[in-house]
């Protein structure tokens, strides 16, 4: 799970696999830095920037050690 903060300061914990798209908002758009759309169509207006969220997603991903295959 990654943490997003909405424009009211509430924390949302969401699976990175649920995120369909992240879009940067315009500058100083009422404290909203980006819009996070999930695959079920919900939108979170987040204070976090798109790059901050992308960093969280990248840190959350795990890859198998080099040379080892994932079980199928």
N, C-alpha and C. Protein backbone atom coordinates (compact mmCIF):
# COMPACT_ATOMS: atom_id res chain seq x y z
N UNK A 1 0.84 -1.18 0.00
CA UNK A 1 0.00 0.00 0.00
C UNK A 1 0.89 1.25 0.00
N UNK A 2 0.40 2.28 -0.65
CA UNK A 2 1.09 3.57 -0.61
C UNK A 2 0.14 4.57 0.02
N UNK A 3 0.70 5.65 0.54
CA UNK A 3 -0.10 6.67 1.21
C UNK A 3 -0.26 7.88 0.32
N UNK A 4 -1.51 8.33 0.16
CA UNK A 4 -1.84 9.57 -0.54
C UNK A 4 -2.53 10.49 0.45
N UNK A 5 -2.31 11.78 0.32
CA UNK A 5 -2.99 12.75 1.18
C UNK A 5 -3.90 13.60 0.29
N UNK A 6 -5.20 13.63 0.65
CA UNK A 6 -6.13 14.41 -0.18
C UNK A 6 -6.07 15.88 0.19
N UNK A 7 -6.84 16.71 -0.50
CA UNK A 7 -6.76 18.16 -0.31
C UNK A 7 -7.24 18.60 1.07
N UNK A 8 -7.99 17.76 1.78
CA UNK A 8 -8.43 18.07 3.14
C UNK A 8 -7.45 17.56 4.20
N UNK A 9 -6.35 16.93 3.77
CA UNK A 9 -5.35 16.43 4.69
C UNK A 9 -5.61 15.01 5.17
N UNK A 10 -6.62 14.35 4.63
CA UNK A 10 -6.92 12.98 5.02
C UNK A 10 -6.00 12.01 4.29
N UNK A 11 -5.55 10.98 5.02
CA UNK A 11 -4.68 9.97 4.43
C UNK A 11 -5.51 8.89 3.76
N UNK A 12 -5.06 8.47 2.60
CA UNK A 12 -5.66 7.35 1.87
C UNK A 12 -4.55 6.35 1.62
N UNK A 13 -4.80 5.09 1.93
CA UNK A 13 -3.85 4.03 1.65
C UNK A 13 -4.42 3.20 0.52
N UNK A 14 -3.66 3.08 -0.54
CA UNK A 14 -4.18 2.46 -1.75
C UNK A 14 -3.13 1.52 -2.35
N UNK A 15 -3.59 0.45 -2.93
CA UNK A 15 -2.68 -0.46 -3.61
C UNK A 15 -2.21 0.17 -4.91
N UNK A 16 -0.92 0.13 -5.19
CA UNK A 16 -0.44 0.67 -6.47
C UNK A 16 -1.09 -0.01 -7.67
N UNK A 17 -1.51 -1.25 -7.51
CA UNK A 17 -2.15 -1.97 -8.61
C UNK A 17 -3.54 -1.41 -8.94
N UNK A 18 -4.11 -0.62 -8.04
CA UNK A 18 -5.43 -0.03 -8.26
C UNK A 18 -5.36 1.27 -9.05
N UNK A 19 -4.15 1.82 -9.23
CA UNK A 19 -4.01 3.13 -9.88
C UNK A 19 -3.95 2.97 -11.40
N UNK A 20 -4.88 3.65 -12.07
CA UNK A 20 -4.92 3.61 -13.53
C UNK A 20 -4.10 4.76 -14.13
N UNK A 21 -4.20 5.95 -13.50
CA UNK A 21 -3.52 7.11 -14.08
C UNK A 21 -3.28 8.16 -13.00
N UNK A 22 -2.18 8.91 -13.14
CA UNK A 22 -1.87 10.04 -12.26
C UNK A 22 -1.65 11.24 -13.16
N UNK A 23 -2.37 12.33 -12.88
CA UNK A 23 -2.28 13.53 -13.71
C UNK A 23 -1.93 14.74 -12.84
N UNK A 24 -0.89 15.47 -13.21
CA UNK A 24 -0.52 16.69 -12.49
C UNK A 24 -1.63 17.73 -12.65
N UNK A 25 -1.92 18.45 -11.57
CA UNK A 25 -2.87 19.56 -11.62
C UNK A 25 -2.11 20.83 -12.01
N UNK A 26 -2.85 21.87 -12.29
CA UNK A 26 -2.22 23.15 -12.59
C UNK A 26 -1.55 23.72 -11.35
N UNK A 27 -0.71 24.73 -11.52
CA UNK A 27 -0.01 25.32 -10.38
C UNK A 27 -0.98 25.96 -9.39
N UNK A 28 -0.77 25.68 -8.10
CA UNK A 28 -1.58 26.26 -7.02
C UNK A 28 -3.07 26.06 -7.22
N UNK A 29 -3.46 24.88 -7.60
CA UNK A 29 -4.87 24.59 -7.83
C UNK A 29 -5.52 24.15 -6.52
N UNK A 30 -5.76 25.09 -5.62
CA UNK A 30 -6.44 24.85 -4.34
C UNK A 30 -5.77 23.76 -3.51
N UNK A 31 -4.46 23.68 -3.57
CA UNK A 31 -3.73 22.70 -2.78
C UNK A 31 -3.68 21.32 -3.39
N UNK A 32 -4.26 21.16 -4.58
CA UNK A 32 -4.25 19.86 -5.25
C UNK A 32 -3.04 19.82 -6.18
N UNK A 33 -2.18 18.83 -5.97
CA UNK A 33 -0.99 18.70 -6.81
C UNK A 33 -1.23 17.76 -7.98
N UNK A 34 -2.11 16.74 -7.77
CA UNK A 34 -2.39 15.81 -8.85
C UNK A 34 -3.71 15.09 -8.61
N UNK A 35 -4.17 14.46 -9.67
CA UNK A 35 -5.39 13.65 -9.63
C UNK A 35 -4.99 12.20 -9.84
N UNK A 36 -5.43 11.33 -8.92
CA UNK A 36 -5.13 9.90 -9.02
C UNK A 36 -6.43 9.19 -9.35
N UNK A 37 -6.49 8.58 -10.52
CA UNK A 37 -7.68 7.84 -10.96
C UNK A 37 -7.42 6.35 -10.79
N UNK A 38 -8.38 5.67 -10.16
CA UNK A 38 -8.26 4.23 -9.96
C UNK A 38 -9.00 3.49 -11.06
N UNK A 39 -8.73 2.19 -11.16
CA UNK A 39 -9.37 1.40 -12.21
C UNK A 39 -10.87 1.29 -12.02
N UNK A 40 -11.37 1.54 -10.79
CA UNK A 40 -12.82 1.50 -10.59
C UNK A 40 -13.47 2.87 -10.84
N UNK A 41 -12.68 3.83 -11.34
CA UNK A 41 -13.22 5.13 -11.74
C UNK A 41 -13.19 6.21 -10.67
N UNK A 42 -12.78 5.89 -9.46
CA UNK A 42 -12.71 6.90 -8.40
C UNK A 42 -11.51 7.81 -8.64
N UNK A 43 -11.64 9.07 -8.18
CA UNK A 43 -10.56 10.04 -8.33
C UNK A 43 -10.22 10.60 -6.95
N UNK A 44 -8.93 10.60 -6.62
CA UNK A 44 -8.44 11.22 -5.39
C UNK A 44 -7.69 12.47 -5.81
N UNK A 45 -8.11 13.63 -5.27
CA UNK A 45 -7.41 14.89 -5.52
C UNK A 45 -6.34 14.98 -4.44
N UNK A 46 -5.09 14.75 -4.82
CA UNK A 46 -4.01 14.57 -3.85
C UNK A 46 -3.13 15.80 -3.71
N UNK A 47 -2.62 16.00 -2.50
CA UNK A 47 -1.63 17.05 -2.24
C UNK A 47 -0.24 16.61 -2.71
N UNK A 48 -0.04 15.30 -2.80
CA UNK A 48 1.25 14.76 -3.23
C UNK A 48 1.42 15.01 -4.72
N UNK A 49 2.65 15.28 -5.13
CA UNK A 49 2.90 15.47 -6.57
C UNK A 49 2.90 14.11 -7.27
N UNK A 50 2.70 14.14 -8.56
CA UNK A 50 2.71 12.90 -9.35
C UNK A 50 4.06 12.19 -9.22
N UNK A 51 5.15 12.94 -9.18
CA UNK A 51 6.47 12.33 -9.06
C UNK A 51 6.67 11.70 -7.68
N UNK A 52 6.12 12.30 -6.62
CA UNK A 52 6.22 11.71 -5.28
C UNK A 52 5.45 10.38 -5.24
N UNK A 53 4.29 10.35 -5.85
CA UNK A 53 3.50 9.12 -5.88
C UNK A 53 4.21 8.07 -6.72
N UNK A 54 4.77 8.47 -7.86
CA UNK A 54 5.51 7.52 -8.70
C UNK A 54 6.70 6.94 -7.94
N UNK A 55 7.38 7.76 -7.14
CA UNK A 55 8.50 7.26 -6.33
C UNK A 55 8.02 6.22 -5.33
N UNK A 56 6.87 6.48 -4.68
CA UNK A 56 6.32 5.51 -3.74
C UNK A 56 5.99 4.19 -4.44
N UNK A 57 5.42 4.29 -5.63
CA UNK A 57 5.07 3.09 -6.39
C UNK A 57 6.33 2.31 -6.74
N UNK A 58 7.36 3.01 -7.20
CA UNK A 58 8.61 2.34 -7.57
C UNK A 58 9.27 1.67 -6.37
N UNK A 59 9.20 2.28 -5.19
CA UNK A 59 9.77 1.69 -3.98
C UNK A 59 8.96 0.48 -3.54
N UNK A 60 7.67 0.49 -3.83
CA UNK A 60 6.78 -0.59 -3.41
C UNK A 60 6.96 -1.84 -4.25
N UNK A 61 7.35 -1.69 -5.50
CA UNK A 61 7.51 -2.83 -6.40
C UNK A 61 8.67 -3.68 -5.95
N UNK A 62 8.48 -4.97 -6.03
CA UNK A 62 9.58 -5.89 -5.71
C UNK A 62 9.87 -6.73 -6.94
N UNK A 63 11.12 -6.97 -7.17
CA UNK A 63 11.55 -7.75 -8.32
C UNK A 63 12.32 -8.96 -7.80
N UNK A 64 12.23 -10.08 -8.49
CA UNK A 64 12.99 -11.26 -8.04
C UNK A 64 14.48 -10.99 -8.19
N UNK A 65 15.30 -11.63 -7.33
CA UNK A 65 16.75 -11.47 -7.48
C UNK A 65 17.18 -11.87 -8.88
N UNK A 66 18.19 -11.19 -9.39
CA UNK A 66 18.65 -11.44 -10.75
C UNK A 66 19.03 -12.91 -10.91
N UNK A 67 18.61 -13.50 -12.00
CA UNK A 67 18.94 -14.88 -12.29
C UNK A 67 17.93 -15.88 -11.75
N UNK A 68 17.00 -15.42 -10.91
CA UNK A 68 15.98 -16.32 -10.37
C UNK A 68 14.65 -16.03 -11.04
N UNK A 69 13.90 -17.07 -11.31
CA UNK A 69 12.59 -16.90 -11.93
C UNK A 69 11.53 -16.95 -10.87
N UNK A 70 10.47 -16.20 -11.11
CA UNK A 70 9.29 -16.25 -10.24
C UNK A 70 8.57 -17.56 -10.48
N UNK A 71 8.02 -18.18 -9.43
CA UNK A 71 7.20 -19.39 -9.65
C UNK A 71 5.98 -19.07 -10.50
N UNK A 72 5.64 -19.96 -11.37
CA UNK A 72 4.49 -19.71 -12.26
C UNK A 72 3.24 -20.36 -11.74
